[in-house]
Protein backbone atom coordinates (compact mmCIF):
# COMPACT_ATOMS: atom_id res chain seq x y z
CA MET A 1 0.00 0.00 0.00
CA LYS A 2 1.48 3.34 -1.06
CA PRO A 3 1.83 5.96 1.67
CA THR A 4 -0.36 9.03 1.24
CA ARG A 5 1.54 12.11 0.11
CA LEU A 6 1.06 15.26 2.16
CA ARG A 7 -0.27 18.06 0.02
CA LYS A 8 1.51 21.38 0.11
CA LEU A 9 -1.16 23.90 1.12
CA ASN A 10 -0.91 27.56 0.21
CA ARG A 11 -3.35 29.44 2.46
CA GLY A 12 -5.68 26.45 2.52
CA LEU A 13 -5.41 25.80 -1.22
CA TRP A 14 -3.52 23.19 -3.24
CA TRP A 15 -3.13 22.73 -7.00
CA SER A 16 -4.61 19.64 -8.70
CA GLY A 17 -2.86 18.60 -11.90
CA ALA A 18 -5.74 16.28 -12.81
CA SER A 19 -8.51 18.90 -12.85
CA LYS A 20 -6.18 21.88 -13.48
CA THR A 21 -7.93 23.80 -10.68
CA TRP A 22 -7.25 24.84 -7.06
CA HIS A 23 -8.74 22.65 -4.31
CA TYR A 24 -9.45 23.78 -0.75
CA GLU A 25 -9.00 22.23 2.71
CA ILE A 26 -10.47 24.24 5.60
CA LYS A 27 -11.72 23.62 9.15
CA VAL A 28 -14.84 25.15 10.71
CA ASP A 29 -15.33 24.32 14.42
CA ASN A 30 -12.85 21.46 14.03
CA HIS A 31 -14.87 19.95 11.16
CA PRO A 32 -12.72 19.43 8.05
CA TYR A 33 -14.10 20.44 4.66
CA LYS A 34 -12.42 19.92 1.31
CA GLY A 35 -13.32 20.03 -2.35
CA ASP A 36 -12.74 21.73 -5.68
CA THR A 37 -13.04 25.50 -6.03
CA GLY A 38 -13.51 25.25 -9.80
CA HIS A 39 -11.02 28.11 -10.42
CA ALA A 40 -7.64 27.90 -12.10
CA ILE A 41 -6.50 31.37 -10.92
CA PHE A 42 -5.18 31.55 -7.37
CA LYS A 43 -6.78 34.91 -6.44
CA GLU A 44 -10.20 33.82 -7.68
CA ALA A 45 -9.85 30.58 -5.74
CA GLN A 46 -9.01 32.60 -2.60
CA VAL A 47 -12.16 34.70 -2.95
CA TRP A 48 -14.26 31.59 -3.52
CA LYS A 49 -12.73 29.83 -0.48
CA ALA A 50 -13.42 32.83 1.78
CA ALA A 51 -17.09 32.93 0.65
CA LYS A 52 -17.35 29.17 1.21
CA LYS A 53 -15.96 29.52 4.73
CA ARG A 54 -18.44 32.29 5.60
CA THR A 55 -21.32 30.14 4.33
CA LEU A 56 -20.21 27.18 6.45
CA LYS A 57 -19.92 29.34 9.56
CA ASN A 58 -23.40 30.74 9.01
CA LEU A 59 -24.78 27.23 8.63
CA GLU A 60 -23.22 26.26 11.97
CA VAL A 61 -25.26 28.95 13.75
CA GLY A 62 -28.42 28.35 11.70
CA ILE A 63 -28.20 31.17 9.17
CA ALA A 64 -29.33 30.01 5.73
CA PRO A 65 -27.30 31.18 2.73
CA PRO A 66 -28.89 33.79 0.46
CA PRO A 67 -30.71 32.38 -2.54
CA ALA A 68 -28.72 32.11 -5.74
CA PRO A 69 -29.50 34.76 -8.35
CA ALA A 70 -31.95 33.68 -11.01
CA PRO A 71 -30.47 32.94 -14.44
CA ASN A 72 -31.29 35.08 -17.42
CA LEU A 73 -33.66 33.97 -20.14
CA ALA A 74 -30.83 32.87 -22.46
CA LYS A 75 -29.39 30.51 -19.85
CA GLY A 76 -32.86 29.25 -18.91
CA LEU A 77 -33.55 28.47 -22.57
CA ALA A 78 -30.23 26.61 -22.86
CA GLU A 79 -31.09 24.50 -19.80
CA TRP A 80 -34.57 23.78 -21.18
CA LYS A 81 -33.10 22.71 -24.53
CA LYS A 82 -30.52 20.48 -22.83
CA ALA A 83 -33.23 18.73 -20.79
CA HIS A 84 -35.66 18.20 -23.70
CA GLN A 85 -33.27 17.46 -26.57
CA GLY A 86 -33.94 13.88 -27.59
CA VAL A 87 -37.01 13.62 -25.32
CA LEU A 88 -39.41 15.79 -27.32
CA SER A 89 -39.43 16.00 -31.10
CA ASP A 90 -36.62 17.99 -32.70
CA ARG A 91 -39.18 20.12 -34.50
CA HIS A 92 -40.86 21.21 -31.25
CA VAL A 93 -37.53 21.98 -29.56
CA ASN A 94 -36.41 24.02 -32.57
CA ASN A 95 -39.71 25.92 -32.67
CA VAL A 96 -39.43 26.91 -28.99
CA CYS A 97 -35.78 27.95 -29.32
CA ARG A 98 -36.42 29.90 -32.53
CA ALA A 99 -39.43 31.72 -31.04
CA VAL A 100 -37.54 32.78 -27.89
CA GLU A 101 -34.23 33.66 -29.56
CA LEU A 102 -35.77 35.52 -32.49
CA HIS A 103 -38.84 37.27 -31.11
CA ALA A 104 -37.83 37.65 -27.42
CA ALA A 105 -34.26 38.77 -28.13
CA THR A 106 -34.70 41.90 -25.98
CA LEU A 107 -35.38 39.70 -22.91
CA LEU A 108 -32.50 37.24 -23.27
CA ASP A 109 -30.29 39.14 -20.80
CA SER A 110 -33.12 39.72 -18.30
CA PRO A 111 -33.35 37.50 -15.18
CA ILE A 112 -36.27 35.13 -15.54
CA ASP A 113 -37.83 36.21 -12.24
CA GLN A 114 -37.90 39.87 -13.32
CA ILE A 115 -39.85 39.41 -16.57
CA LYS A 116 -43.21 41.11 -16.15
CA VAL A 117 -46.46 41.30 -18.08
CA ARG A 118 -45.38 44.57 -19.68
CA ASP A 119 -42.31 42.85 -21.17
CA LEU A 120 -44.45 40.17 -22.79
CA GLU A 121 -46.82 42.82 -24.14
CA ASP A 122 -43.88 44.67 -25.72
CA ILE A 123 -42.49 41.63 -27.53
CA ARG A 124 -45.99 40.66 -28.68
CA ALA A 125 -46.58 44.13 -30.11
CA ALA A 126 -43.19 44.04 -31.85
CA TYR A 127 -44.06 40.61 -33.27
CA LEU A 128 -47.34 41.86 -34.74
CA ARG A 129 -45.58 44.82 -36.36
CA GLY A 130 -43.02 42.58 -38.04
CA GLU A 131 -43.13 40.39 -41.13
CA GLY A 132 -42.06 36.87 -41.98
CA ARG A 133 -41.07 34.94 -45.07
CA GLY A 134 -43.44 32.45 -46.65
CA TYR A 135 -43.36 30.13 -49.64
CA HIS A 136 -41.11 31.38 -52.47
CA GLY A 137 -39.88 34.22 -50.23
CA ALA A 138 -43.25 35.99 -50.07
CA LYS A 139 -43.64 38.57 -47.30
CA LEU A 140 -46.28 37.60 -44.78
CA HIS A 141 -47.59 39.65 -41.87
CA HIS A 142 -47.42 38.01 -38.47
CA THR A 143 -50.81 36.88 -37.22
CA LYS A 144 -52.44 36.98 -33.82
CA GLY A 145 -52.34 33.20 -33.66
CA GLY A 146 -48.58 33.27 -34.17
CA ALA A 147 -48.26 35.89 -31.41
CA ASN A 148 -50.20 33.67 -29.01
CA LYS A 149 -47.95 30.73 -29.89
CA MET A 150 -44.79 32.79 -29.35
CA ILE A 151 -45.93 33.95 -25.90
CA PHE A 152 -46.83 30.34 -25.07
CA HIS A 153 -43.26 29.22 -25.89
CA VAL A 154 -41.74 31.96 -23.72
CA ARG A 155 -43.99 31.06 -20.78
CA THR A 156 -43.10 27.38 -21.25
CA VAL A 157 -39.43 28.17 -20.65
CA LEU A 158 -40.25 30.36 -17.62
CA ILE A 159 -42.49 27.72 -16.01
CA TRP A 160 -39.92 24.95 -16.53
CA ASN A 161 -37.20 27.05 -14.86
CA GLY A 162 -39.30 27.36 -11.70
CA VAL A 163 -40.52 30.95 -11.84
CA LYS A 164 -43.11 31.26 -9.08
CA GLU A 165 -45.22 34.04 -10.60
CA VAL A 166 -45.13 33.62 -14.36
CA PRO A 167 -46.72 36.62 -16.13
CA ARG A 168 -49.92 35.71 -17.90
CA LEU A 169 -51.33 37.44 -20.97
CA LYS A 170 -54.87 37.04 -22.22
CA PRO A 171 -54.64 35.39 -25.67
CA LEU A 172 -55.61 37.52 -28.61
CA THR A 173 -58.87 36.65 -30.34
CA THR A 174 -58.10 35.11 -33.72
CA GLN A 175 -60.24 34.64 -36.78
CA GLU A 176 -60.29 31.08 -38.05
CA GLY A 177 -58.73 30.95 -41.49
CA GLN A 178 -59.82 28.95 -44.49
CA GLN A 179 -59.12 25.23 -44.17
CA GLY A 180 -58.03 23.89 -47.52
CA ILE A 181 -59.04 20.48 -48.79
CA VAL A 182 -58.54 18.48 -51.97
CA TRP A 183 -62.00 17.34 -53.01
CA PRO A 184 -62.30 13.76 -54.33
CA GLU A 185 -62.66 14.90 -57.95
CA GLN A 186 -59.43 16.92 -57.57
CA VAL A 187 -57.29 14.05 -56.29
CA GLN A 188 -56.25 12.78 -59.73
CA PRO A 189 -55.11 16.22 -61.01
CA PHE A 190 -53.40 16.86 -57.68
CA ILE A 191 -51.38 13.61 -57.82
CA ALA A 192 -50.59 14.23 -61.50
CA GLU A 193 -49.19 17.65 -60.61
CA ALA A 194 -47.19 16.12 -57.76
CA TRP A 195 -45.70 13.52 -60.10
CA ARG A 196 -44.86 16.23 -62.58
CA GLY A 197 -42.42 17.46 -59.95
CA GLY A 198 -40.60 20.72 -59.78
CA ARG A 199 -37.66 22.49 -58.26
CA ASP A 200 -39.17 22.47 -54.78
CA HIS A 201 -35.89 21.79 -53.00
CA LYS A 202 -32.52 23.19 -54.03
CA ARG A 203 -30.77 20.16 -52.57
CA TYR A 204 -32.61 17.60 -54.67
CA GLY A 205 -33.54 19.63 -57.76
CA VAL A 206 -35.79 17.97 -60.32
CA ARG A 207 -36.17 14.20 -60.02
CA PRO A 208 -37.88 11.86 -62.49
CA VAL A 209 -39.53 10.12 -59.51
CA PRO A 210 -39.97 12.81 -56.81
CA ASP A 211 -40.02 11.45 -53.26
CA SER A 212 -42.54 14.10 -52.28
CA ALA A 213 -45.09 12.60 -54.70
CA VAL A 214 -44.67 9.19 -53.03
CA ALA A 215 -45.30 10.77 -49.62
CA ILE A 216 -48.40 12.56 -50.97
CA CYS A 217 -49.77 9.24 -52.29
CA LEU A 218 -49.23 7.65 -48.84
CA MET A 219 -51.03 10.52 -47.12
CA LEU A 220 -53.99 10.44 -49.53
CA GLY A 221 -54.29 6.65 -49.63
CA LEU A 222 -53.69 5.79 -45.96
CA GLY A 223 -54.46 9.00 -44.08
CA LEU A 224 -50.93 9.25 -42.70
CA ARG A 225 -49.51 12.35 -41.10
CA PRO A 226 -46.67 14.10 -42.97
CA ASP A 227 -43.96 12.79 -40.65
CA GLU A 228 -45.47 9.29 -40.72
CA ALA A 229 -45.40 9.28 -44.53
CA VAL A 230 -41.81 10.51 -44.64
CA LYS A 231 -40.67 7.81 -42.17
CA ALA A 232 -42.69 4.94 -43.68
CA HIS A 233 -40.90 1.55 -43.77
CA TRP A 234 -41.19 -1.40 -46.10
CA GLU A 235 -41.45 -3.90 -43.23
CA TRP A 236 -44.67 -2.21 -42.12
CA VAL A 237 -46.36 -3.07 -45.44
CA GLU A 238 -48.08 -6.45 -45.01
CA THR A 239 -48.81 -7.77 -48.48
CA ARG A 240 -50.64 -10.87 -47.24
CA ARG A 241 -53.36 -8.92 -45.43
CA GLN A 242 -52.81 -5.82 -47.61
CA VAL A 243 -52.65 -3.50 -44.62
CA TYR A 244 -50.12 -0.94 -43.48
CA VAL A 245 -49.08 -1.15 -39.81
CA VAL A 246 -48.06 2.31 -38.59
CA GLY A 247 -44.91 1.50 -36.65
CA LYS A 248 -44.41 4.93 -35.09
CA SER A 249 -47.64 6.84 -34.57
CA LYS A 250 -48.15 10.12 -32.75
CA SER A 251 -50.59 8.72 -30.17
CA GLY A 252 -48.92 5.32 -29.81
CA ARG A 253 -52.19 3.60 -30.78
CA LEU A 254 -52.14 0.59 -33.09
CA ARG A 255 -53.27 1.53 -36.59
CA GLU A 256 -53.67 -0.86 -39.48
CA PRO A 257 -55.35 1.02 -42.34
CA PRO A 258 -56.08 -1.23 -45.35
CA ILE A 259 -54.07 -0.42 -48.46
CA PRO A 260 -56.31 0.36 -51.47
CA ASP A 261 -55.64 -1.56 -54.68
CA TRP A 262 -54.22 1.44 -56.57
CA LEU A 263 -51.73 2.18 -53.78
CA ALA A 264 -50.81 -1.52 -53.37
CA GLU A 265 -49.99 -1.78 -57.07
CA PHE A 266 -48.01 1.45 -56.93
CA LEU A 267 -45.97 0.27 -53.90
CA THR A 268 -45.28 -3.06 -55.61
CA ASN A 269 -43.83 -1.30 -58.66
CA LEU A 270 -41.84 1.10 -56.46
CA ARG A 271 -40.36 -1.77 -54.44
CA ARG A 272 -39.38 -3.54 -57.65
CA GLN A 273 -37.62 -0.39 -58.87
CA GLN A 274 -35.67 -0.16 -55.59
CA GLY A 275 -34.44 -3.77 -55.83
CA SER A 276 -37.18 -5.48 -53.76
CA PRO A 277 -35.97 -4.43 -50.28
CA LYS A 278 -37.55 -6.18 -47.30
CA ARG A 279 -36.70 -3.51 -44.76
CA GLY A 280 -35.82 0.16 -44.67
CA LEU A 281 -37.38 3.47 -45.58
CA ILE A 282 -39.76 3.65 -48.52
CA ILE A 283 -38.45 7.11 -49.50
CA PRO A 284 -34.92 7.49 -48.04
CA ALA A 285 -33.22 10.86 -48.34
CA GLY A 286 -29.75 9.33 -48.47
CA ILE A 287 -27.21 7.18 -46.64
CA ASP A 288 -24.78 8.31 -43.95
CA ARG A 289 -21.17 7.21 -43.55
CA ALA A 290 -22.20 4.18 -41.49
CA GLY A 291 -24.49 2.96 -44.28
CA ARG A 292 -27.73 3.82 -42.49
CA GLN A 293 -30.66 5.36 -44.32
CA LEU A 294 -31.56 8.96 -43.53
CA PRO A 295 -35.19 10.16 -43.59
CA HIS A 296 -36.32 13.42 -45.11
CA ALA A 297 -36.96 16.45 -42.93
CA PRO A 298 -40.45 16.71 -41.33
CA GLY A 299 -41.40 19.66 -43.56
CA PHE A 300 -40.20 17.97 -46.75
CA THR A 301 -43.68 17.92 -48.32
CA ALA A 302 -44.63 21.53 -47.48
CA LYS A 303 -43.35 23.16 -50.67
CA PRO A 304 -44.58 20.44 -53.07
CA VAL A 305 -48.07 20.58 -51.56
CA ALA A 306 -48.08 24.38 -51.75
CA ARG A 307 -47.00 24.25 -55.40
CA CYS A 308 -49.73 21.76 -56.33
CA ALA A 309 -52.33 23.77 -54.39
CA GLN A 310 -51.31 26.94 -56.19
CA LYS A 311 -51.63 25.17 -59.53
CA LEU A 312 -55.15 23.93 -58.71
CA GLU A 313 -56.13 27.21 -56.97
CA ILE A 314 -56.75 25.63 -53.56
CA GLU A 315 -56.48 28.08 -50.68
CA GLY A 316 -55.19 27.20 -47.21
CA LEU A 317 -53.89 23.73 -48.08
CA THR A 318 -51.10 22.21 -45.98
CA PRO A 319 -49.69 18.65 -45.92
CA LYS A 320 -51.66 17.87 -42.77
CA ARG A 321 -54.91 18.89 -44.49
CA LEU A 322 -54.51 15.93 -46.87
CA ARG A 323 -55.84 13.86 -43.96
CA ALA A 324 -59.05 15.88 -44.28
CA THR A 325 -59.30 14.66 -47.89
CA PHE A 326 -58.90 11.08 -46.66
CA ALA A 327 -61.58 11.50 -43.96
CA THR A 328 -64.04 13.46 -46.13
CA THR A 329 -63.80 11.03 -49.04
CA HIS A 330 -64.51 8.07 -46.75
CA PHE A 331 -67.39 9.93 -45.12
CA GLU A 332 -68.99 10.70 -48.49
CA ALA A 333 -68.49 7.05 -49.51
CA GLY A 334 -70.50 5.90 -46.48
CA THR A 335 -67.72 4.71 -44.17
CA LYS A 336 -68.69 4.77 -40.49
CA ILE A 337 -67.18 7.59 -38.46
CA THR A 338 -65.76 5.11 -35.94
CA GLN A 339 -63.87 3.27 -38.67
CA ILE A 340 -62.50 6.54 -40.06
CA ALA A 341 -61.31 7.55 -36.59
CA GLN A 342 -59.64 4.17 -36.08
CA MET A 343 -57.76 4.39 -39.39
CA MET A 344 -56.62 7.93 -38.58
CA GLY A 345 -55.57 7.08 -35.03
CA HIS A 346 -58.14 9.21 -33.18
CA LYS A 347 -59.35 8.01 -29.79
CA ASP A 348 -62.51 10.11 -29.96
CA PRO A 349 -64.52 10.02 -33.23
CA GLU A 350 -65.69 13.55 -32.42
CA THR A 351 -62.15 14.75 -33.19
CA THR A 352 -62.44 13.25 -36.66
CA ARG A 353 -65.87 14.78 -37.26
CA ARG A 354 -65.00 18.28 -36.05
CA HIS A 355 -61.55 18.78 -37.56
CA TYR A 356 -61.25 16.50 -40.60
CA ILE A 357 -64.66 15.99 -42.19
CA VAL A 358 -65.67 18.96 -44.36
CA GLN A 359 -69.13 19.55 -45.76
CA ARG A 360 -69.24 20.60 -49.39
CA PRO A 361 -70.38 24.14 -50.18
CA LYS A 362 -72.71 22.78 -52.87
CA ASP A 363 -74.46 20.62 -50.26
CA GLN A 364 -75.03 23.70 -48.14
CA ALA A 365 -76.33 25.55 -51.21
CA GLN A 366 -78.79 22.73 -51.88
CA ALA A 367 -79.93 22.90 -48.27
CA GLN A 368 -80.50 26.63 -48.63
CA ALA A 369 -82.55 26.04 -51.78
CA LEU A 370 -84.76 23.48 -49.98
CA VAL A 371 -85.32 25.85 -47.08
CA ALA A 372 -86.20 28.68 -49.49
CA GLU A 373 -88.72 26.39 -51.22
CA ALA A 374 -90.24 25.50 -47.86
CA MET A 375 -90.61 29.21 -47.12
CA GLY A 376 -92.49 29.70 -50.38
CA PHE A 377 -89.79 31.57 -52.29
CA LYS A 378 -89.39 29.04 -55.11
CA GLY A 379 -91.14 31.10 -57.79
CA SER A 380 -90.26 34.73 -57.42
CA PRO A 381 -88.63 36.86 -54.75
CA PRO A 382 -90.79 38.96 -52.46
CA THR A 383 -91.93 42.22 -53.99
CA VAL A 384 -90.80 45.44 -52.44
CA THR A 385 -93.46 48.16 -52.46
CA GLU A 386 -92.20 51.62 -53.14
CA ARG A 387 -93.22 54.22 -50.63
CA LYS A 388 -94.11 57.66 -51.92
CA ARG A 389 -92.07 60.36 -50.38
CA PRO A 390 -93.98 63.45 -49.21
CA LYS A 391 -93.31 66.63 -51.12
CA PRO A 392 -91.02 69.03 -49.31
CA THR A 393 -92.86 72.05 -47.91
CA THR A 394 -91.41 75.52 -48.35
CA ARG A 395 -91.09 77.61 -45.25
CA THR A 396 -91.47 81.38 -45.28
CA PRO A 397 -88.90 83.16 -43.17
CA ARG A 398 -90.25 84.91 -40.14
CA THR A 399 -89.69 88.62 -39.71
CA LYS A 400 -88.86 90.04 -36.37
CA ALA A 401 -91.24 92.58 -34.96
CA SER A 402 -89.79 96.07 -34.79
């Protein structure tokens, strides 16, 4: 057993070559204390050791140390990102970080416990005065819904960092925008435009078989979400039962939507073109250095869907709204609402009915016509009788008595 070497103390401090910092050894009421100061400069280590000794003496007589100062918003955001990276989706983490760093930049140096309601009102007003960039670089004004979402992200970081009184703002009232949908008779032109392809992504350019068109076919044929279509695997396609087992769903519920004949034939031809793989991604973006397949980004289908919607003059269409086409087409074909909800992965069929099934405007127009007929307005509109206006009377000016 090697004898322990006596450390050479310099005013209660000794240098550690392993950690490259000064360590301390002090006694308070004959109780030894030792540890790492965390400082590589001797004077800074001395100041830290003196503060440590005062804290230990106060604890001996029952005096609690003062609370540590609250971190600023930038440090609180970094801690939140470190704790949630890999736990939540990368897209959500990036959205929170982008919203705080970009739109709450004036509060990054402020301590999190000193952020008040007035500060949130100022950054919300600045957000509404600003502009963003949309598809093809178009300038878009920030909306009230986006302002509410930005404030929600800032408050999320404050709540997670333990702020006792988090400032609360009343959300702004927003007007519901137009929800786009591809009607059943527009599906064929929509898919044809998607297969025509375009320079939607600078990285990939124009492809003879665009991967975005394959993802659009999966979303329209199986009701998949955009990220589920991008990360679809060949091993989840069961050819014997002709069903697709969603391996990674948002809710974690088992979903086995049947594959329609047109999509089954298309997937068979696509698998043959790829060399009949048994496993792996249906639409891989590439291969890394280790030989593993890389999926496309979650927003990979946003620009292709926007281009096809612009070609067909469909307003308010997003990749997620293709699920509304799936649900509405099944509803018009007579499929039970419970079966539609099960294929889409909804626990409550009311969610499917309220958010994904759209009534046609022509059906509403027919309903209006039936109601008008019931009211007796089928033949001619009601006549409006003209009222005769009275003739204006002339007034003689009065003369004042002298």
